[in-house]
PDB file of N, CA and C in Angstrom:
ATOM      1  N   UNK A   1      43.278  27.106  18.332  1.00  0.00           N
ATOM      2  CA  UNK A   1      42.410  26.164  19.025  1.00  0.00           C
ATOM      3  C   UNK A   1      43.300  25.215  19.834  1.00  0.00           C
ATOM      4  N   UNK A   2      43.042  25.108  21.125  1.00  0.00           N
ATOM      5  CA  UNK A   2      43.892  24.263  21.949  1.00  0.00           C
ATOM      6  C   UNK A   2      43.481  22.799  21.866  1.00  0.00           C
ATOM      7  N   UNK A   3      44.316  21.932  22.437  1.00  0.00           N
ATOM      8  CA  UNK A   3      44.101  20.488  22.338  1.00  0.00           C
ATOM      9  C   UNK A   3      42.791  20.057  22.973  1.00  0.00           C
ATOM     10  N   UNK A   4      42.409  20.694  24.080  1.00  0.00           N
ATOM     11  CA  UNK A   4      41.158  20.332  24.746  1.00  0.00           C
ATOM     12  C   UNK A   4      39.961  20.623  23.846  1.00  0.00           C
ATOM     13  N   UNK A   5      39.969  21.773  23.191  1.00  0.00           N
ATOM     14  CA  UNK A   5      38.872  22.125  22.292  1.00  0.00           C
ATOM     15  C   UNK A   5      38.827  21.186  21.098  1.00  0.00           C
ATOM     16  N   UNK A   6      39.992  20.831  20.590  1.00  0.00           N
ATOM     17  CA  UNK A   6      40.063  19.903  19.455  1.00  0.00           C
ATOM     18  C   UNK A   6      39.468  18.561  19.863  1.00  0.00           C
ATOM     19  N   UNK A   7      39.871  18.054  21.035  1.00  0.00           N
ATOM     20  CA  UNK A   7      39.357  16.771  21.490  1.00  0.00           C
ATOM     21  C   UNK A   7      37.851  16.820  21.740  1.00  0.00           C
ATOM     22  N   UNK A   8      37.348  17.922  22.276  1.00  0.00           N
ATOM     23  CA  UNK A   8      35.905  18.049  22.500  1.00  0.00           C
ATOM     24  C   UNK A   8      35.152  17.991  21.178  1.00  0.00           C
ATOM     25  N   UNK A   9      35.657  18.689  20.170  1.00  0.00           N
ATOM     26  CA  UNK A   9      35.018  18.663  18.853  1.00  0.00           C
ATOM     27  C   UNK A   9      35.086  17.266  18.242  1.00  0.00           C
ATOM     28  N   UNK A  10      36.238  16.629  18.379  1.00  0.00           N
ATOM     29  CA  UNK A  10      36.379  15.276  17.850  1.00  0.00           C
ATOM     30  C   UNK A  10      35.432  14.318  18.558  1.00  0.00           C
ATOM     31  N   UNK A  11      35.279  14.466  19.865  1.00  0.00           N
ATOM     32  CA  UNK A  11      34.388  13.585  20.613  1.00  0.00           C
ATOM     33  C   UNK A  11      32.936  13.772  20.176  1.00  0.00           C
ATOM     34  N   UNK A  12      32.546  14.996  19.854  1.00  0.00           N
ATOM     35  CA  UNK A  12      31.199  15.242  19.332  1.00  0.00           C
ATOM     36  C   UNK A  12      31.013  14.532  17.992  1.00  0.00           C
ATOM     37  N   UNK A  13      32.021  14.646  17.130  1.00  0.00           N
ATOM     38  CA  UNK A  13      31.955  13.989  15.823  1.00  0.00           C
ATOM     39  C   UNK A  13      31.909  12.478  15.989  1.00  0.00           C
ATOM     40  N   UNK A  14      32.718  11.955  16.910  1.00  0.00           N
ATOM     41  CA  UNK A  14      32.743  10.513  17.159  1.00  0.00           C
ATOM     42  C   UNK A  14      31.366  10.031  17.601  1.00  0.00           C
ATOM     43  N   UNK A  15      30.746  10.764  18.500  1.00  0.00           N
ATOM     44  CA  UNK A  15      29.423  10.380  18.989  1.00  0.00           C
ATOM     45  C   UNK A  15      28.412  10.341  17.848  1.00  0.00           C
ATOM     46  N   UNK A  16      28.459  11.350  16.981  1.00  0.00           N
ATOM     47  CA  UNK A  16      27.533  11.422  15.845  1.00  0.00           C
ATOM     48  C   UNK A  16      27.762  10.277  14.865  1.00  0.00           C
ATOM     49  N   UNK A  17      29.021  10.044  14.515  1.00  0.00           N
ATOM     50  CA  UNK A  17      29.345   8.987  13.555  1.00  0.00           C
ATOM     51  C   UNK A  17      29.048   7.606  14.145  1.00  0.00           C
ATOM     52  N   UNK A  18      29.343   7.427  15.428  1.00  0.00           N
ATOM     53  CA  UNK A  18      29.051   6.140  16.075  1.00  0.00           C
ATOM     54  C   UNK A  18      27.553   5.851  16.035  1.00  0.00           C
ATOM     55  N   UNK A  19      26.744   6.865  16.324  1.00  0.00           N
ATOM     56  CA  UNK A  19      25.289   6.681  16.289  1.00  0.00           C
ATOM     57  C   UNK A  19      24.838   6.317  14.867  1.00  0.00           C
ATOM     58  N   UNK A  20      25.371   7.017  13.885  1.00  0.00           N
ATOM     59  CA  UNK A  20      25.005   6.740  12.486  1.00  0.00           C
ATOM     60  C   UNK A  20      25.430   5.328  12.090  1.00  0.00           C
ATOM     61  N   UNK A  21      26.612   4.907  12.544  1.00  0.00           N
ATOM     62  CA  UNK A  21      27.106   3.566  12.221  1.00  0.00           C
ATOM     63  C   UNK A  21      26.204   2.497  12.839  1.00  0.00           C
ATOM     64  N   UNK A  22      25.819   2.688  14.083  1.00  0.00           N
ATOM     65  CA  UNK A  22      24.953   1.718  14.758  1.00  0.00           C
ATOM     66  C   UNK A  22      23.599   1.645  14.063  1.00  0.00           C
ATOM     67  N   UNK A  23      23.064   2.803  13.703  1.00  0.00           N
ATOM     68  CA  UNK A  23      21.783   2.834  12.992  1.00  0.00           C
ATOM     69  C   UNK A  23      21.879   2.119  11.655  1.00  0.00           C
ATOM     70  N   UNK A  24      22.917   2.415  10.903  1.00  0.00           N
ATOM     71  CA  UNK A  24      23.105   1.759   9.601  1.00  0.00           C
ATOM     72  C   UNK A  24      23.304   0.257   9.788  1.00  0.00           C
ATOM     73  N   UNK A  25      24.066  -0.118  10.792  1.00  0.00           N
ATOM     74  CA  UNK A  25      24.329  -1.536  11.028  1.00  0.00           C
ATOM     75  C   UNK A  25      23.084  -2.317  11.399  1.00  0.00           C
ATOM     76  N   UNK A  26      22.216  -1.707  12.188  1.00  0.00           N
ATOM     77  CA  UNK A  26      21.007  -2.420  12.607  1.00  0.00           C
ATOM     78  C   UNK A  26      19.932  -2.425  11.538  1.00  0.00           C
ATOM     79  N   UNK A  27      19.928  -1.423  10.671  1.00  0.00           N
ATOM     80  CA  UNK A  27      18.887  -1.374   9.640  1.00  0.00           C
ATOM     81  C   UNK A  27      19.329  -1.971   8.307  1.00  0.00           C
ATOM     82  N   UNK A  28      20.604  -1.817   7.976  1.00  0.00           N
ATOM     83  CA  UNK A  28      21.076  -2.265   6.660  1.00  0.00           C
ATOM     84  C   UNK A  28      22.015  -3.464   6.723  1.00  0.00           C
ATOM     85  N   UNK A  29      22.522  -3.749   7.917  1.00  0.00           N
ATOM     86  CA  UNK A  29      23.434  -4.884   8.076  1.00  0.00           C
ATOM     87  C   UNK A  29      24.865  -4.427   8.274  1.00  0.00           C
ATOM     88  N   UNK A  30      25.615  -5.296   8.940  1.00  0.00           N
ATOM     89  CA  UNK A  30      26.993  -4.944   9.279  1.00  0.00           C
ATOM     90  C   UNK A  30      27.925  -4.906   8.075  1.00  0.00           C
ATOM     91  N   UNK A  31      27.578  -5.610   7.014  1.00  0.00           N
ATOM     92  CA  UNK A  31      28.441  -5.645   5.828  1.00  0.00           C
ATOM     93  C   UNK A  31      28.025  -4.653   4.749  1.00  0.00           C
ATOM     94  N   UNK A  32      27.028  -3.828   5.033  1.00  0.00           N
ATOM     95  CA  UNK A  32      26.567  -2.833   4.063  1.00  0.00           C
ATOM     96  C   UNK A  32      27.651  -1.755   3.902  1.00  0.00           C
ATOM     97  N   UNK A  33      27.794  -1.244   2.688  1.00  0.00           N
ATOM     98  CA  UNK A  33      28.841  -0.252   2.416  1.00  0.00           C
ATOM     99  C   UNK A  33      28.704   0.997   3.285  1.00  0.00           C
ATOM    100  N   UNK A  34      27.478   1.403   3.576  1.00  0.00           N
ATOM    101  CA  UNK A  34      27.281   2.592   4.409  1.00  0.00           C
ATOM    102  C   UNK A  34      27.803   2.355   5.837  1.00  0.00           C
ATOM    103  N   UNK A  35      27.508   1.182   6.380  1.00  0.00           N
ATOM    104  CA  UNK A  35      27.985   0.840   7.720  1.00  0.00           C
ATOM    105  C   UNK A  35      29.505   0.810   7.756  1.00  0.00           C
ATOM    106  N   UNK A  36      30.089   0.239   6.732  1.00  0.00           N
ATOM    107  CA  UNK A  36      31.550   0.144   6.653  1.00  0.00           C
ATOM    108  C   UNK A  36      32.176   1.524   6.530  1.00  0.00           C
ATOM    109  N   UNK A  37      31.555   2.401   5.748  1.00  0.00           N
ATOM    110  CA  UNK A  37      32.064   3.778   5.618  1.00  0.00           C
ATOM    111  C   UNK A  37      32.054   4.498   6.965  1.00  0.00           C
ATOM    112  N   UNK A  38      30.953   4.346   7.704  1.00  0.00           N
ATOM    113  CA  UNK A  38      30.885   4.963   9.039  1.00  0.00           C
ATOM    114  C   UNK A  38      31.949   4.385   9.964  1.00  0.00           C
ATOM    115  N   UNK A  39      32.153   3.088   9.867  1.00  0.00           N
ATOM    116  CA  UNK A  39      33.165   2.440  10.705  1.00  0.00           C
ATOM    117  C   UNK A  39      34.559   2.976  10.388  1.00  0.00           C
ATOM    118  N   UNK A  40      34.849   3.143   9.122  1.00  0.00           N
ATOM    119  CA  UNK A  40      36.147   3.674   8.711  1.00  0.00           C
ATOM    120  C   UNK A  40      36.316   5.123   9.166  1.00  0.00           C
ATOM    121  N   UNK A  41      35.260   5.922   9.052  1.00  0.00           N
ATOM    122  CA  UNK A  41      35.310   7.313   9.510  1.00  0.00           C
ATOM    123  C   UNK A  41      35.522   7.361  11.016  1.00  0.00           C
ATOM    124  N   UNK A  42      34.862   6.481  11.735  1.00  0.00           N
ATOM    125  CA  UNK A  42      35.027   6.410  13.183  1.00  0.00           C
ATOM    126  C   UNK A  42      36.470   6.074  13.537  1.00  0.00           C
ATOM    127  N   UNK A  43      37.068   5.134  12.818  1.00  0.00           N
ATOM    128  CA  UNK A  43      38.478   4.794  13.039  1.00  0.00           C
ATOM    129  C   UNK A  43      39.373   6.009  12.832  1.00  0.00           C
ATOM    130  N   UNK A  44      39.115   6.765  11.766  1.00  0.00           N
ATOM    131  CA  UNK A  44      39.917   7.961  11.477  1.00  0.00           C
ATOM    132  C   UNK A  44      39.805   8.984  12.610  1.00  0.00           C
ATOM    133  N   UNK A  45      38.586   9.212  13.084  1.00  0.00           N
ATOM    134  CA  UNK A  45      38.375  10.187  14.149  1.00  0.00           C
ATOM    135  C   UNK A  45      39.048   9.743  15.446  1.00  0.00           C
ATOM    136  N   UNK A  46      38.969   8.464  15.745  1.00  0.00           N
ATOM    137  CA  UNK A  46      39.604   7.961  16.971  1.00  0.00           C
ATOM    138  C   UNK A  46      41.128   8.050  16.873  1.00  0.00           C
ATOM    139  N   UNK A  47      41.656   7.836  15.682  1.00  0.00           N
ATOM    140  CA  UNK A  47      43.096   8.008  15.479  1.00  0.00           C
ATOM    141  C   UNK A  47      43.499   9.470  15.692  1.00  0.00           C
ATOM    142  N   UNK A  48      42.676  10.391  15.234  1.00  0.00           N
ATOM    143  CA  UNK A  48      42.951  11.822  15.436  1.00  0.00           C
ATOM    144  C   UNK A  48      42.991  12.172  16.917  1.00  0.00           C
ATOM    145  N   UNK A  49      42.067  11.617  17.691  1.00  0.00           N
ATOM    146  CA  UNK A  49      42.043  11.872  19.125  1.00  0.00           C
ATOM    147  C   UNK A  49      43.362  11.421  19.754  1.00  0.00           C
ATOM    148  N   UNK A  50      43.822  10.250  19.360  1.00  0.00           N
ATOM    149  CA  UNK A  50      45.080   9.735  19.917  1.00  0.00           C
ATOM    150  C   UNK A  50      46.264  10.606  19.528  1.00  0.00           C
ATOM    151  N   UNK A  51      46.235  11.181  18.349  1.00  0.00           N
ATOM    152  CA  UNK A  51      47.324  12.056  17.916  1.00  0.00           C
ATOM    153  C   UNK A  51      47.384  13.328  18.744  1.00  0.00           C
ATOM    154  N   UNK A  52      46.221  13.799  19.211  1.00  0.00           N
ATOM    155  CA  UNK A  52      46.162  15.062  19.954  1.00  0.00           C
ATOM    156  C   UNK A  52      46.319  14.891  21.457  1.00  0.00           C
ATOM    157  N   UNK A  53      46.570  13.680  21.915  1.00  0.00           N
ATOM    158  CA  UNK A  53      46.744  13.471  23.352  1.00  0.00           C
ATOM    159  C   UNK A  53      48.185  13.589  23.742  1.00  0.00           C
TER     160      UNK A  53
END
């Protein structure tokens, strides 16, 4: 799998996790454990994108 395909897959995951984080944040609050988990996962995915550039 080349770097472009990896980044495309990561960007899809980022979009999904970002949407879930925003939904959790608006419905459960920014300090809710679920929102924080999504935020941490989003950070991990964004770090992966930077590693593959």
